[in-house]
């Protein structure tokens, strides 16, 4: 049954899931057990794609408490940023590029080199 109203369709899917949750989860578990190697191989392959790398990077940022309104835009800015936004030093590699954020609120502030991030010397320059 196809619905013209996507909102209504989504509500119906959610309702179906709630009614059949145990059965659905059991089927998913069974499918995973029967196809574990293939599924894990697909995950490894996906992790090497640009979309997989983006997903894992954003997931890591969230894990460390970094908060931003638009992670997709932030990720693109992260890839395009070539210099520290404080001392203007060029990043040698991704290890040298840091995501500065307020540790109290989690809000992203700027891209810094490891030196500016570790020593907080940028605070005096701002």
C-alpha atoms as a PDB file:
ATOM      1  CA  UNK A   1       0.000   0.000   0.000  1.00  0.00           C
ATOM      2  CA  UNK A   2       1.533   3.286  -1.119  1.00  0.00           C
ATOM      3  CA  UNK A   3       0.721   6.533   0.622  1.00  0.00           C
ATOM      4  CA  UNK A   4       0.825   9.909  -1.078  1.00  0.00           C
ATOM      5  CA  UNK A   5       1.412  11.571   2.267  1.00  0.00           C
ATOM      6  CA  UNK A   6       4.931  10.642   3.423  1.00  0.00           C
ATOM      7  CA  UNK A   7       4.172  11.707   6.966  1.00  0.00           C
ATOM      8  CA  UNK A   8       1.239   9.296   7.132  1.00  0.00           C
ATOM      9  CA  UNK A   9       3.362   6.527   5.628  1.00  0.00           C
ATOM     10  CA  UNK A  10       6.058   7.093   8.214  1.00  0.00           C
ATOM     11  CA  UNK A  11       3.494   6.976  11.017  1.00  0.00           C
ATOM     12  CA  UNK A  12       2.137   3.671   9.683  1.00  0.00           C
ATOM     13  CA  UNK A  13       5.658   2.207   9.485  1.00  0.00           C
ATOM     14  CA  UNK A  14       6.369   3.288  13.037  1.00  0.00           C
ATOM     15  CA  UNK A  15       3.078   1.808  14.213  1.00  0.00           C
ATOM     16  CA  UNK A  16       3.839  -1.484  12.424  1.00  0.00           C
ATOM     17  CA  UNK A  17       7.305  -1.602  13.959  1.00  0.00           C
ATOM     18  CA  UNK A  18       5.940  -1.052  17.470  1.00  0.00           C
ATOM     19  CA  UNK A  19       3.369  -3.842  17.024  1.00  0.00           C
ATOM     20  CA  UNK A  20       5.934  -6.276  15.576  1.00  0.00           C
ATOM     21  CA  UNK A  21       9.116  -5.126  17.294  1.00  0.00           C
ATOM     22  CA  UNK A  22      10.125  -8.464  18.822  1.00  0.00           C
ATOM     23  CA  UNK A  23       9.548 -10.373  15.577  1.00  0.00           C
ATOM     24  CA  UNK A  24      11.448  -7.787  13.507  1.00  0.00           C
ATOM     25  CA  UNK A  25      14.419  -7.738  15.898  1.00  0.00           C
ATOM     26  CA  UNK A  26      14.540 -11.534  15.944  1.00  0.00           C
ATOM     27  CA  UNK A  27      14.512 -11.647  12.136  1.00  0.00           C
ATOM     28  CA  UNK A  28      17.314  -9.068  11.963  1.00  0.00           C
ATOM     29  CA  UNK A  29      19.375 -11.024  14.482  1.00  0.00           C
ATOM     30  CA  UNK A  30      18.855 -14.265  12.548  1.00  0.00           C
ATOM     31  CA  UNK A  31      19.767 -12.582   9.248  1.00  0.00           C
ATOM     32  CA  UNK A  32      22.941 -11.152  10.790  1.00  0.00           C
ATOM     33  CA  UNK A  33      23.988 -14.518  12.219  1.00  0.00           C
ATOM     34  CA  UNK A  34      23.442 -16.216   8.844  1.00  0.00           C
ATOM     35  CA  UNK A  35      25.330 -13.505   6.916  1.00  0.00           C
ATOM     36  CA  UNK A  36      27.823 -12.207   9.484  1.00  0.00           C
ATOM     37  CA  UNK A  37      30.965 -12.505   7.339  1.00  0.00           C
ATOM     38  CA  UNK A  38      29.402 -10.894   4.289  1.00  0.00           C
ATOM     39  CA  UNK A  39      27.896  -8.054   6.343  1.00  0.00           C
ATOM     40  CA  UNK A  40      31.186  -7.357   8.121  1.00  0.00           C
ATOM     41  CA  UNK A  41      33.023  -7.330   4.782  1.00  0.00           C
ATOM     42  CA  UNK A  42      30.493  -4.833   3.402  1.00  0.00           C
ATOM     43  CA  UNK A  43      31.026  -2.618   6.466  1.00  0.00           C
ATOM     44  CA  UNK A  44      34.808  -2.706   5.985  1.00  0.00           C
ATOM     45  CA  UNK A  45      34.430  -1.760   2.325  1.00  0.00           C
ATOM     46  CA  UNK A  46      31.994   1.047   3.153  1.00  0.00           C
ATOM     47  CA  UNK A  47      34.353   2.442   5.801  1.00  0.00           C
ATOM     48  CA  UNK A  48      36.923   3.044   3.026  1.00  0.00           C
ATOM     49  CA  UNK A  49      34.552   5.081   0.849  1.00  0.00           C
ATOM     50  CA  UNK A  50      34.321   8.890   1.183  1.00  0.00           C
ATOM     51  CA  UNK A  51      30.826   8.529   2.706  1.00  0.00           C
ATOM     52  CA  UNK A  52      32.096   5.948   5.203  1.00  0.00           C
ATOM     53  CA  UNK A  53      35.052   8.113   6.207  1.00  0.00           C
ATOM     54  CA  UNK A  54      32.739  11.099   6.654  1.00  0.00           C
ATOM     55  CA  UNK A  55      30.302   9.100   8.783  1.00  0.00           C
ATOM     56  CA  UNK A  56      33.067   7.730  11.010  1.00  0.00           C
ATOM     57  CA  UNK A  57      34.739  11.124  11.428  1.00  0.00           C
ATOM     58  CA  UNK A  58      31.481  12.819  12.439  1.00  0.00           C
ATOM     59  CA  UNK A  59      30.669   9.908  14.759  1.00  0.00           C
ATOM     60  CA  UNK A  60      34.081  10.393  16.435  1.00  0.00           C
ATOM     61  CA  UNK A  61      33.493  14.131  16.873  1.00  0.00           C
ATOM     62  CA  UNK A  62      30.155  13.463  18.546  1.00  0.00           C
ATOM     63  CA  UNK A  63      31.731  10.807  20.774  1.00  0.00           C
ATOM     64  CA  UNK A  64      34.259  13.373  22.012  1.00  0.00           C
ATOM     65  CA  UNK A  65      31.487  15.872  22.732  1.00  0.00           C
ATOM     66  CA  UNK A  66      31.886  18.282  19.829  1.00  0.00           C
ATOM     67  CA  UNK A  67      28.571  20.029  19.082  1.00  0.00           C
ATOM     68  CA  UNK A  68      27.696  21.797  15.839  1.00  0.00           C
ATOM     69  CA  UNK A  69      24.485  22.735  14.019  1.00  0.00           C
ATOM     70  CA  UNK A  70      25.560  21.250  10.665  1.00  0.00           C
ATOM     71  CA  UNK A  71      28.120  18.435  10.871  1.00  0.00           C
ATOM     72  CA  UNK A  72      28.091  17.922   7.105  1.00  0.00           C
ATOM     73  CA  UNK A  73      29.176  21.513   6.417  1.00  0.00           C
ATOM     74  CA  UNK A  74      31.690  21.334   9.260  1.00  0.00           C
ATOM     75  CA  UNK A  75      33.179  18.155   7.750  1.00  0.00           C
ATOM     76  CA  UNK A  76      33.565  19.848   4.353  1.00  0.00           C
ATOM     77  CA  UNK A  77      35.174  22.886   6.032  1.00  0.00           C
ATOM     78  CA  UNK A  78      37.476  20.503   7.920  1.00  0.00           C
ATOM     79  CA  UNK A  79      38.648  18.919   4.658  1.00  0.00           C
ATOM     80  CA  UNK A  80      39.185  22.300   2.987  1.00  0.00           C
ATOM     81  CA  UNK A  81      40.969  23.960   5.911  1.00  0.00           C
ATOM     82  CA  UNK A  82      44.719  23.998   5.246  1.00  0.00           C
ATOM     83  CA  UNK A  83      46.017  26.426   7.906  1.00  0.00           C
ATOM     84  CA  UNK A  84      45.599  27.023  11.638  1.00  0.00           C
ATOM     85  CA  UNK A  85      43.039  29.758  12.177  1.00  0.00           C
ATOM     86  CA  UNK A  86      45.215  31.333  14.900  1.00  0.00           C
ATOM     87  CA  UNK A  87      48.898  31.127  13.966  1.00  0.00           C
ATOM     88  CA  UNK A  88      48.271  30.541  10.219  1.00  0.00           C
ATOM     89  CA  UNK A  89      50.700  27.586  10.159  1.00  0.00           C
ATOM     90  CA  UNK A  90      49.985  25.131   7.350  1.00  0.00           C
ATOM     91  CA  UNK A  91      48.757  21.723   8.520  1.00  0.00           C
ATOM     92  CA  UNK A  92      51.308  19.012   7.730  1.00  0.00           C
ATOM     93  CA  UNK A  93      48.720  16.211   7.964  1.00  0.00           C
ATOM     94  CA  UNK A  94      45.358  15.395   9.533  1.00  0.00           C
ATOM     95  CA  UNK A  95      47.044  14.585  12.859  1.00  0.00           C
ATOM     96  CA  UNK A  96      48.191  18.208  13.058  1.00  0.00           C
ATOM     97  CA  UNK A  97      44.656  19.579  12.467  1.00  0.00           C
ATOM     98  CA  UNK A  98      42.546  19.895  15.649  1.00  0.00           C
ATOM     99  CA  UNK A  99      38.901  20.668  16.236  1.00  0.00           C
ATOM    100  CA  UNK A 100      38.900  23.274  18.984  1.00  0.00           C
ATOM    101  CA  UNK A 101      35.726  23.267  21.049  1.00  0.00           C
ATOM    102  CA  UNK A 102      34.514  24.571  24.379  1.00  0.00           C
ATOM    103  CA  UNK A 103      34.796  21.692  26.844  1.00  0.00           C
ATOM    104  CA  UNK A 104      31.958  23.057  28.961  1.00  0.00           C
ATOM    105  CA  UNK A 105      29.374  23.498  26.210  1.00  0.00           C
ATOM    106  CA  UNK A 106      30.871  21.235  23.504  1.00  0.00           C
ATOM    107  CA  UNK A 107      30.433  23.941  20.848  1.00  0.00           C
ATOM    108  CA  UNK A 108      32.958  24.000  18.004  1.00  0.00           C
ATOM    109  CA  UNK A 109      35.130  27.134  17.859  1.00  0.00           C
ATOM    110  CA  UNK A 110      37.809  26.811  15.182  1.00  0.00           C
ATOM    111  CA  UNK A 111      40.420  24.668  13.435  1.00  0.00           C
ATOM    112  CA  UNK A 112      43.789  24.776  15.167  1.00  0.00           C
ATOM    113  CA  UNK A 113      47.218  23.255  14.740  1.00  0.00           C
ATOM    114  CA  UNK A 114      48.232  20.803  17.456  1.00  0.00           C
ATOM    115  CA  UNK A 115      50.547  23.366  19.014  1.00  0.00           C
ATOM    116  CA  UNK A 116      47.881  26.061  19.421  1.00  0.00           C
ATOM    117  CA  UNK A 117      45.366  23.494  20.654  1.00  0.00           C
ATOM    118  CA  UNK A 118      47.639  21.838  23.219  1.00  0.00           C
ATOM    119  CA  UNK A 119      49.204  24.932  24.694  1.00  0.00           C
ATOM    120  CA  UNK A 120      46.133  27.183  24.562  1.00  0.00           C
ATOM    121  CA  UNK A 121      48.486  29.914  23.385  1.00  0.00           C
ATOM    122  CA  UNK A 122      45.809  31.104  20.962  1.00  0.00           C
ATOM    123  CA  UNK A 123      43.748  32.529  23.827  1.00  0.00           C
ATOM    124  CA  UNK A 124      46.292  35.306  24.247  1.00  0.00           C
ATOM    125  CA  UNK A 125      46.203  36.094  20.512  1.00  0.00           C
ATOM    126  CA  UNK A 126      42.431  36.460  20.220  1.00  0.00           C
END
